[in-house]
Amino acid sequence: MDYPKQSEVQQLVFSAVCAEDKVADFIKLVNENQVATRKEQGVLRCEFMRDKEVKNKFYINDVYLNQAAWDFH
């Protein structure tokens, strides 16, 4: 595999807090989105994490090969 120049890589990192009574719906929605995102060309990493202490807080980390992959997403 040819590795991209670091300056070309695009990364999206964010956290989200959802209503406590909507956690199951949120997890289902994000998991569906993650499955689709991982199929896109140029996706290097696609992670969905749950906070250990705040059970309705989540983190998403997506890494794309370049701007074109980010734009496609």
Protein backbone atom coordinates (compact mmCIF):
# COMPACT_ATOMS: atom_id res chain seq x y z
CA MET A 1 0.00 0.00 0.00
CA ASP A 2 1.24 3.46 -0.85
CA TYR A 3 0.79 5.69 2.15
CA PRO A 4 -0.64 9.17 1.55
CA LYS A 5 1.27 12.31 2.35
CA GLN A 6 0.24 13.33 5.83
CA SER A 7 -0.82 16.74 4.56
CA GLU A 8 -3.45 15.06 2.33
CA VAL A 9 -5.14 13.06 5.09
CA GLN A 10 -8.40 14.51 6.41
CA GLN A 11 -9.66 13.66 9.89
CA LEU A 12 -12.99 14.29 11.55
CA VAL A 13 -13.15 13.90 15.33
CA PHE A 14 -16.16 14.89 17.37
CA SER A 15 -18.22 14.04 20.40
CA ALA A 16 -21.98 13.90 20.74
CA VAL A 17 -24.27 13.69 23.72
CA CYS A 18 -27.73 12.31 23.10
CA ALA A 19 -30.81 12.20 25.25
CA GLU A 20 -30.61 9.30 27.70
CA ASP A 21 -33.89 7.83 26.43
CA LYS A 22 -32.58 7.87 22.83
CA VAL A 23 -29.24 6.09 23.33
CA ALA A 24 -30.35 2.81 21.69
CA ASP A 25 -31.74 4.68 18.65
CA PHE A 26 -28.57 6.77 18.38
CA ILE A 27 -26.30 3.72 18.53
CA LYS A 28 -28.34 1.96 15.83
CA LEU A 29 -28.26 5.01 13.55
CA VAL A 30 -24.52 5.60 13.96
CA ASN A 31 -23.70 1.90 13.49
CA GLU A 32 -25.65 1.89 10.21
CA ASN A 33 -23.80 5.00 9.10
CA GLN A 34 -20.43 3.50 10.07
CA VAL A 35 -21.10 0.37 8.01
CA ALA A 36 -21.85 2.50 4.95
CA THR A 37 -18.89 4.83 5.57
CA ARG A 38 -16.44 1.94 5.79
CA LYS A 39 -17.46 0.88 2.26
CA GLU A 40 -16.49 4.25 0.77
CA GLN A 41 -13.23 4.47 -1.13
CA GLY A 42 -10.60 6.48 0.65
CA VAL A 43 -11.79 5.77 4.20
CA LEU A 44 -8.76 4.86 6.30
CA ARG A 45 -10.43 4.69 9.71
CA CYS A 46 -13.97 4.88 10.99
CA GLU A 47 -14.44 4.53 14.75
CA PHE A 48 -17.42 4.90 17.07
CA MET A 49 -16.73 4.91 20.80
CA ARG A 50 -18.81 5.30 23.94
CA ASP A 51 -17.61 7.24 26.95
CA LYS A 52 -16.92 4.97 29.94
CA GLU A 53 -18.30 7.39 32.49
CA VAL A 54 -21.01 9.37 30.68
CA LYS A 55 -23.13 6.62 29.11
CA ASN A 56 -24.94 8.92 26.68
CA LYS A 57 -21.73 10.55 25.33
CA PHE A 58 -20.08 9.19 22.19
CA TYR A 59 -17.02 9.89 20.07
CA ILE A 60 -16.56 9.48 16.34
CA ASN A 61 -13.20 9.46 14.58
CA ASP A 62 -13.14 9.24 10.78
CA VAL A 63 -9.95 9.45 8.74
CA TYR A 64 -9.98 9.94 4.98
CA LEU A 65 -7.19 9.43 2.44
CA ASN A 66 -7.55 12.92 0.99
CA GLN A 67 -9.91 15.82 0.40
CA ALA A 68 -11.69 14.01 -2.44
CA ALA A 69 -12.61 11.11 -0.14
CA TRP A 70 -13.84 13.59 2.48
CA ASP A 71 -15.88 15.48 -0.13
CA PHE A 72 -17.46 12.24 -1.35
CA HIS A 73 -18.52 11.34 2.18
